C-alpha cells in the first residue's frame, strides 16, 4: 500500500528536462536561455552550437535531454518540437574571500543556477 500516483503537471504534448547546480550566475544563464525560447528544437540546437558563451554547452545538453525525453518517454514527433519554456532559477552561492591590502578582505561570490527546459509538440496544420 503506497502513495497514490501524482498527476502529471505537463500536458501530454510536452516534455521537460532539468539541470541543477550549474556553475554560472543566473543572469548569464538567462541570456543563453532567452536566445532559444520559442524556437524550433533544430534551430535552438544550431543556435547553441555556434554560441560563443561557455555555458551554451550545458544548455545544449539540457535541451537534448528534453528532446530525448519527448521522443522516448512520451512518443512525441521530434521534427515538430519547439522550446515552449526555458527558465532559470537561483540556487546556492559559495562565499569565498581574497586577501587585499592593509589586512582587509574582498568578498567573492560564486553563484550556481538551475535550468529547466520544456519542449512542446506543435499542432498539425492542414
N, C-alpha and C. Protein backbone atom coordinates (compact mmCIF):
# COMPACT_ATOMS: atom_id res chain seq x y z
N UNK A 1 0.85 -1.18 0.00
CA UNK A 1 0.00 0.00 0.00
C UNK A 1 0.89 1.23 0.00
N UNK A 2 1.03 1.86 -1.15
CA UNK A 2 1.88 3.03 -1.27
C UNK A 2 1.07 4.28 -1.52
N UNK A 3 1.77 5.31 -1.84
CA UNK A 3 1.11 6.58 -2.14
C UNK A 3 0.45 6.50 -3.50
N UNK A 4 -0.56 7.33 -3.68
CA UNK A 4 -1.21 7.41 -4.97
C UNK A 4 -0.28 8.12 -5.95
N UNK A 5 -0.37 7.74 -7.21
CA UNK A 5 0.49 8.33 -8.23
C UNK A 5 0.14 9.80 -8.41
N UNK A 6 1.17 10.64 -8.47
CA UNK A 6 0.97 12.07 -8.63
C UNK A 6 0.56 12.37 -10.05
N UNK A 7 -0.38 13.27 -10.22
CA UNK A 7 -0.84 13.64 -11.55
C UNK A 7 0.27 14.38 -12.29
N UNK A 8 0.31 14.20 -13.60
CA UNK A 8 1.34 14.83 -14.42
C UNK A 8 1.08 16.32 -14.53
N UNK A 9 2.12 17.12 -14.30
CA UNK A 9 1.98 18.57 -14.31
C UNK A 9 1.88 19.10 -15.73
N UNK A 10 2.65 18.51 -16.65
CA UNK A 10 2.69 18.98 -18.03
C UNK A 10 1.58 18.36 -18.86
N UNK A 11 1.33 18.96 -20.04
CA UNK A 11 0.37 18.38 -20.98
C UNK A 11 0.94 17.09 -21.57
N UNK A 12 0.09 16.40 -22.34
CA UNK A 12 0.55 15.17 -22.99
C UNK A 12 1.49 15.46 -24.15
N UNK A 13 1.51 16.69 -24.64
CA UNK A 13 2.37 17.04 -25.77
C UNK A 13 3.63 17.77 -25.33
N UNK A 14 3.98 17.67 -24.04
CA UNK A 14 5.14 18.37 -23.52
C UNK A 14 6.10 17.42 -22.81
N UNK A 15 7.37 17.80 -22.81
CA UNK A 15 8.39 17.05 -22.08
C UNK A 15 9.35 18.06 -21.46
N UNK A 16 9.98 17.64 -20.36
CA UNK A 16 10.81 18.57 -19.59
C UNK A 16 12.16 17.93 -19.28
N UNK A 17 13.17 18.78 -19.16
CA UNK A 17 14.48 18.38 -18.67
C UNK A 17 14.94 19.46 -17.69
N UNK A 18 15.67 19.02 -16.67
CA UNK A 18 16.04 19.91 -15.57
C UNK A 18 17.49 19.65 -15.20
N UNK A 19 18.24 20.71 -15.01
CA UNK A 19 19.62 20.59 -14.56
C UNK A 19 19.82 21.51 -13.37
N UNK A 20 20.42 20.97 -12.32
CA UNK A 20 20.60 21.81 -11.14
C UNK A 20 22.08 21.98 -10.83
N UNK A 21 22.36 23.03 -10.11
CA UNK A 21 23.71 23.38 -9.68
C UNK A 21 24.67 23.55 -10.87
N UNK A 22 24.27 24.38 -11.82
CA UNK A 22 25.16 24.75 -12.92
C UNK A 22 26.01 25.92 -12.42
N UNK A 23 27.31 25.84 -12.59
CA UNK A 23 28.21 26.83 -12.01
C UNK A 23 28.31 28.08 -12.89
N UNK A 24 27.26 28.88 -12.87
CA UNK A 24 27.23 30.15 -13.58
C UNK A 24 26.16 30.99 -12.92
N UNK A 25 26.26 32.30 -13.05
CA UNK A 25 25.26 33.16 -12.44
C UNK A 25 23.94 33.06 -13.21
N UNK A 26 22.81 33.21 -12.53
CA UNK A 26 21.52 33.13 -13.21
C UNK A 26 21.37 34.18 -14.31
N UNK A 27 21.98 35.33 -14.12
CA UNK A 27 21.87 36.39 -15.12
C UNK A 27 22.53 35.98 -16.43
N UNK A 28 23.71 35.38 -16.36
CA UNK A 28 24.41 34.94 -17.56
C UNK A 28 23.70 33.77 -18.22
N UNK A 29 23.20 32.85 -17.40
CA UNK A 29 22.49 31.69 -17.94
C UNK A 29 21.19 32.11 -18.61
N UNK A 30 20.53 33.11 -18.07
CA UNK A 30 19.27 33.58 -18.64
C UNK A 30 19.47 34.20 -20.02
N UNK A 31 20.63 34.81 -20.27
CA UNK A 31 20.91 35.36 -21.59
C UNK A 31 20.91 34.27 -22.66
N UNK A 32 21.47 33.11 -22.31
CA UNK A 32 21.51 31.99 -23.26
C UNK A 32 20.13 31.35 -23.38
N UNK A 33 19.43 31.19 -22.24
CA UNK A 33 18.10 30.60 -22.28
C UNK A 33 17.13 31.47 -23.07
N UNK A 34 17.32 32.78 -22.98
CA UNK A 34 16.46 33.71 -23.70
C UNK A 34 16.63 33.58 -25.20
N UNK A 35 17.82 33.20 -25.64
CA UNK A 35 18.08 33.10 -27.08
C UNK A 35 17.41 31.90 -27.73
N UNK A 36 16.95 30.91 -26.94
CA UNK A 36 16.31 29.73 -27.54
C UNK A 36 14.81 29.66 -27.30
N UNK A 37 14.28 30.53 -26.46
CA UNK A 37 12.84 30.47 -26.17
C UNK A 37 12.00 30.66 -27.42
N UNK A 38 11.02 29.78 -27.62
CA UNK A 38 10.10 29.92 -28.74
C UNK A 38 10.61 29.38 -30.06
N UNK A 39 11.87 28.98 -30.14
CA UNK A 39 12.42 28.49 -31.39
C UNK A 39 12.14 27.00 -31.54
N UNK A 40 12.20 26.52 -32.79
CA UNK A 40 12.06 25.08 -33.01
C UNK A 40 13.29 24.40 -32.42
N UNK A 41 13.16 23.12 -32.14
CA UNK A 41 14.24 22.39 -31.48
C UNK A 41 15.51 22.38 -32.33
N UNK A 42 15.35 22.22 -33.65
CA UNK A 42 16.52 22.18 -34.52
C UNK A 42 17.26 23.51 -34.54
N UNK A 43 16.52 24.60 -34.69
CA UNK A 43 17.18 25.90 -34.74
C UNK A 43 17.76 26.29 -33.38
N UNK A 44 17.14 25.85 -32.30
CA UNK A 44 17.68 26.12 -30.96
C UNK A 44 19.00 25.38 -30.76
N UNK A 45 19.08 24.13 -31.23
CA UNK A 45 20.33 23.38 -31.13
C UNK A 45 21.43 24.03 -31.97
N UNK A 46 21.06 24.51 -33.15
CA UNK A 46 22.04 25.19 -34.00
C UNK A 46 22.51 26.49 -33.36
N UNK A 47 21.58 27.21 -32.75
CA UNK A 47 21.92 28.46 -32.06
C UNK A 47 22.93 28.21 -30.94
N UNK A 48 22.71 27.14 -30.17
CA UNK A 48 23.60 26.83 -29.05
C UNK A 48 24.94 26.29 -29.52
N UNK A 49 24.94 25.57 -30.65
CA UNK A 49 26.19 25.00 -31.15
C UNK A 49 27.16 26.10 -31.57
N UNK A 50 26.64 27.22 -32.07
CA UNK A 50 27.51 28.29 -32.56
C UNK A 50 27.57 29.48 -31.61
N UNK A 51 27.00 29.35 -30.43
CA UNK A 51 27.08 30.43 -29.45
C UNK A 51 28.49 30.51 -28.89
N UNK A 52 28.96 31.72 -28.62
CA UNK A 52 30.30 31.90 -28.10
C UNK A 52 30.35 31.83 -26.58
N UNK A 53 29.22 31.72 -25.94
CA UNK A 53 29.20 31.68 -24.47
C UNK A 53 29.54 30.28 -23.97
N UNK A 54 30.32 30.22 -22.90
CA UNK A 54 30.77 28.95 -22.35
C UNK A 54 29.61 28.08 -21.89
N UNK A 55 28.60 28.70 -21.31
CA UNK A 55 27.51 27.94 -20.70
C UNK A 55 26.55 27.35 -21.74
N UNK A 56 26.69 27.75 -23.00
CA UNK A 56 25.82 27.23 -24.06
C UNK A 56 25.97 25.72 -24.21
N UNK A 57 27.13 25.17 -23.86
CA UNK A 57 27.34 23.73 -23.92
C UNK A 57 26.42 23.02 -22.94
N UNK A 58 26.31 23.54 -21.72
CA UNK A 58 25.43 22.94 -20.72
C UNK A 58 23.96 23.07 -21.12
N UNK A 59 23.59 24.23 -21.65
CA UNK A 59 22.20 24.45 -22.06
C UNK A 59 21.85 23.49 -23.20
N UNK A 60 22.81 23.25 -24.09
CA UNK A 60 22.57 22.33 -25.21
C UNK A 60 22.33 20.91 -24.69
N UNK A 61 23.07 20.49 -23.67
CA UNK A 61 22.87 19.17 -23.08
C UNK A 61 21.47 19.03 -22.50
N UNK A 62 21.01 20.08 -21.82
CA UNK A 62 19.68 20.03 -21.21
C UNK A 62 18.61 19.98 -22.30
N UNK A 63 18.78 20.76 -23.36
CA UNK A 63 17.82 20.76 -24.47
C UNK A 63 17.80 19.40 -25.16
N UNK A 64 18.96 18.80 -25.38
CA UNK A 64 19.00 17.46 -25.98
C UNK A 64 18.33 16.43 -25.09
N UNK A 65 18.47 16.59 -23.78
CA UNK A 65 17.82 15.69 -22.84
C UNK A 65 16.29 15.84 -22.91
N UNK A 66 15.82 17.08 -23.03
CA UNK A 66 14.38 17.31 -23.14
C UNK A 66 13.83 16.70 -24.43
N UNK A 67 14.59 16.81 -25.51
CA UNK A 67 14.16 16.23 -26.78
C UNK A 67 14.13 14.70 -26.67
N UNK A 68 15.13 14.11 -26.03
CA UNK A 68 15.16 12.67 -25.83
C UNK A 68 14.01 12.20 -24.95
N UNK A 69 13.70 12.98 -23.92
CA UNK A 69 12.55 12.63 -23.07
C UNK A 69 11.26 12.66 -23.86
N UNK A 70 11.11 13.65 -24.73
CA UNK A 70 9.90 13.75 -25.55
C UNK A 70 9.77 12.56 -26.48
N UNK A 71 10.89 12.15 -27.06
CA UNK A 71 10.86 11.06 -28.03
C UNK A 71 10.66 9.70 -27.35
N UNK A 72 11.43 9.45 -26.30
CA UNK A 72 11.44 8.11 -25.70
C UNK A 72 10.36 7.89 -24.65
N UNK A 73 10.08 8.90 -23.84
CA UNK A 73 9.13 8.71 -22.74
C UNK A 73 7.71 9.07 -23.11
N UNK A 74 7.54 9.99 -24.06
CA UNK A 74 6.20 10.49 -24.37
C UNK A 74 5.80 10.29 -25.83
N UNK A 75 6.66 9.64 -26.63
CA UNK A 75 6.39 9.31 -28.02
C UNK A 75 5.94 10.53 -28.84
N UNK A 76 6.66 11.63 -28.72
CA UNK A 76 6.35 12.83 -29.48
C UNK A 76 7.23 12.87 -30.73
N UNK A 77 6.75 13.58 -31.76
CA UNK A 77 7.48 13.70 -33.01
C UNK A 77 8.58 14.74 -32.85
N UNK A 78 9.82 14.34 -33.04
CA UNK A 78 10.97 15.22 -32.82
C UNK A 78 10.98 16.38 -33.81
N UNK A 79 10.50 16.16 -35.02
CA UNK A 79 10.54 17.19 -36.05
C UNK A 79 9.59 18.35 -35.77
N UNK A 80 8.59 18.11 -34.92
CA UNK A 80 7.61 19.17 -34.63
C UNK A 80 7.80 19.81 -33.26
N UNK A 81 8.91 19.52 -32.61
CA UNK A 81 9.14 20.08 -31.26
C UNK A 81 9.65 21.52 -31.33
N UNK A 82 9.25 22.31 -30.35
CA UNK A 82 9.80 23.66 -30.17
C UNK A 82 9.97 23.91 -28.68
N UNK A 83 10.81 24.89 -28.36
CA UNK A 83 11.10 25.21 -26.96
C UNK A 83 9.97 26.09 -26.44
N UNK A 84 9.11 25.51 -25.62
CA UNK A 84 7.99 26.27 -25.06
C UNK A 84 8.47 27.19 -23.95
N UNK A 85 9.28 26.64 -23.04
CA UNK A 85 9.80 27.43 -21.92
C UNK A 85 11.25 27.05 -21.68
N UNK A 86 12.03 28.03 -21.28
CA UNK A 86 13.39 27.81 -20.80
C UNK A 86 13.59 28.84 -19.70
N UNK A 87 13.58 28.37 -18.46
CA UNK A 87 13.70 29.34 -17.37
C UNK A 87 14.79 28.93 -16.39
N UNK A 88 15.28 29.95 -15.70
CA UNK A 88 16.45 29.83 -14.85
C UNK A 88 16.05 30.11 -13.41
N UNK A 89 16.62 29.35 -12.49
CA UNK A 89 16.39 29.58 -11.07
C UNK A 89 17.71 29.76 -10.35
N UNK A 90 17.66 30.49 -9.27
CA UNK A 90 18.85 30.74 -8.46
C UNK A 90 18.95 29.66 -7.39
N UNK A 91 20.14 29.20 -7.15
CA UNK A 91 20.35 28.22 -6.08
C UNK A 91 21.49 28.72 -5.18
N UNK A 92 22.33 27.86 -4.67
CA UNK A 92 23.30 28.27 -3.65
C UNK A 92 24.37 29.22 -4.19
N UNK A 93 25.03 29.90 -3.26
CA UNK A 93 26.14 30.79 -3.58
C UNK A 93 27.30 30.43 -2.66
N UNK A 94 28.43 30.04 -3.26
CA UNK A 94 29.62 29.80 -2.45
C UNK A 94 30.25 31.14 -2.13
N UNK A 95 30.57 31.37 -0.87
CA UNK A 95 31.17 32.63 -0.47
C UNK A 95 32.64 32.38 -0.14
N UNK A 96 33.49 33.08 -0.85
CA UNK A 96 34.93 32.97 -0.67
C UNK A 96 35.50 34.35 -0.38
N UNK A 97 36.76 34.43 -0.02
CA UNK A 97 37.36 35.74 0.16
C UNK A 97 38.76 35.74 -0.42
N UNK A 98 39.20 36.93 -0.74
CA UNK A 98 40.53 37.14 -1.27
C UNK A 98 41.21 38.20 -0.39
N UNK A 99 42.43 37.94 0.00
CA UNK A 99 43.17 38.89 0.83
C UNK A 99 43.47 40.14 0.02
N UNK A 100 43.26 41.28 0.64
CA UNK A 100 43.51 42.57 0.00
C UNK A 100 44.55 43.34 0.82
N UNK A 101 44.83 44.52 0.39
CA UNK A 101 45.88 45.32 1.04
C UNK A 101 45.46 45.74 2.45
N UNK A 102 46.44 45.97 3.30
CA UNK A 102 46.27 46.51 4.66
C UNK A 102 45.38 45.62 5.53
N UNK A 103 45.46 44.31 5.35
CA UNK A 103 44.77 43.38 6.21
C UNK A 103 43.28 43.25 5.96
N UNK A 104 42.81 43.78 4.87
CA UNK A 104 41.38 43.68 4.56
C UNK A 104 41.11 42.48 3.67
N UNK A 105 39.83 42.20 3.48
CA UNK A 105 39.45 41.10 2.59
C UNK A 105 38.45 41.61 1.56
N UNK A 106 38.49 40.99 0.41
CA UNK A 106 37.49 41.27 -0.62
C UNK A 106 36.62 40.05 -0.79
N UNK A 107 35.31 40.23 -0.68
CA UNK A 107 34.39 39.11 -0.80
C UNK A 107 34.23 38.66 -2.24
N UNK A 108 34.15 37.35 -2.44
CA UNK A 108 33.90 36.77 -3.76
C UNK A 108 32.70 35.86 -3.63
N UNK A 109 31.75 36.03 -4.54
CA UNK A 109 30.57 35.17 -4.55
C UNK A 109 30.61 34.31 -5.80
N UNK A 110 30.41 33.01 -5.63
CA UNK A 110 30.41 32.07 -6.75
C UNK A 110 29.01 31.48 -6.85
N UNK A 111 28.14 32.07 -7.69
CA UNK A 111 26.75 31.63 -7.74
C UNK A 111 26.55 30.38 -8.58
N UNK A 112 25.49 29.65 -8.27
CA UNK A 112 25.06 28.48 -9.02
C UNK A 112 23.63 28.72 -9.49
N UNK A 113 23.20 28.00 -10.53
CA UNK A 113 21.87 28.19 -11.11
C UNK A 113 21.23 26.85 -11.42
N UNK A 114 19.92 26.87 -11.58
CA UNK A 114 19.15 25.74 -12.07
C UNK A 114 18.57 26.11 -13.43
N UNK A 115 18.40 25.13 -14.30
CA UNK A 115 17.84 25.38 -15.63
C UNK A 115 16.77 24.35 -15.92
N UNK A 116 15.61 24.81 -16.38
CA UNK A 116 14.52 23.94 -16.80
C UNK A 116 14.16 24.28 -18.23
N UNK A 117 14.10 23.25 -19.07
CA UNK A 117 13.70 23.42 -20.47
C UNK A 117 12.49 22.54 -20.73
N UNK A 118 11.42 23.15 -21.26
CA UNK A 118 10.20 22.42 -21.61
C UNK A 118 10.01 22.53 -23.11
N UNK A 119 9.92 21.37 -23.76
CA UNK A 119 9.65 21.35 -25.20
C UNK A 119 8.22 20.86 -25.42
N UNK A 120 7.62 21.35 -26.50
CA UNK A 120 6.23 21.02 -26.80
C UNK A 120 6.12 20.68 -28.27
N UNK A 121 5.18 19.80 -28.58
CA UNK A 121 4.94 19.41 -29.97
C UNK A 121 3.94 20.38 -30.60
N UNK A 122 4.27 20.91 -31.78
CA UNK A 122 3.36 21.81 -32.49
C UNK A 122 2.15 21.04 -32.99
N UNK A 123 1.02 21.74 -33.01
CA UNK A 123 -0.19 21.12 -33.56
C UNK A 123 -0.06 21.01 -35.07
N UNK A 124 -0.71 20.00 -35.63
CA UNK A 124 -0.68 19.83 -37.08
C UNK A 124 -1.52 20.89 -37.75
N UNK A 125 -0.98 21.50 -38.80
CA UNK A 125 -1.75 22.47 -39.57
C UNK A 125 -2.03 21.88 -40.94
N UNK A 126 -3.26 22.03 -41.36
CA UNK A 126 -3.65 21.43 -42.64
C UNK A 126 -3.85 22.48 -43.70
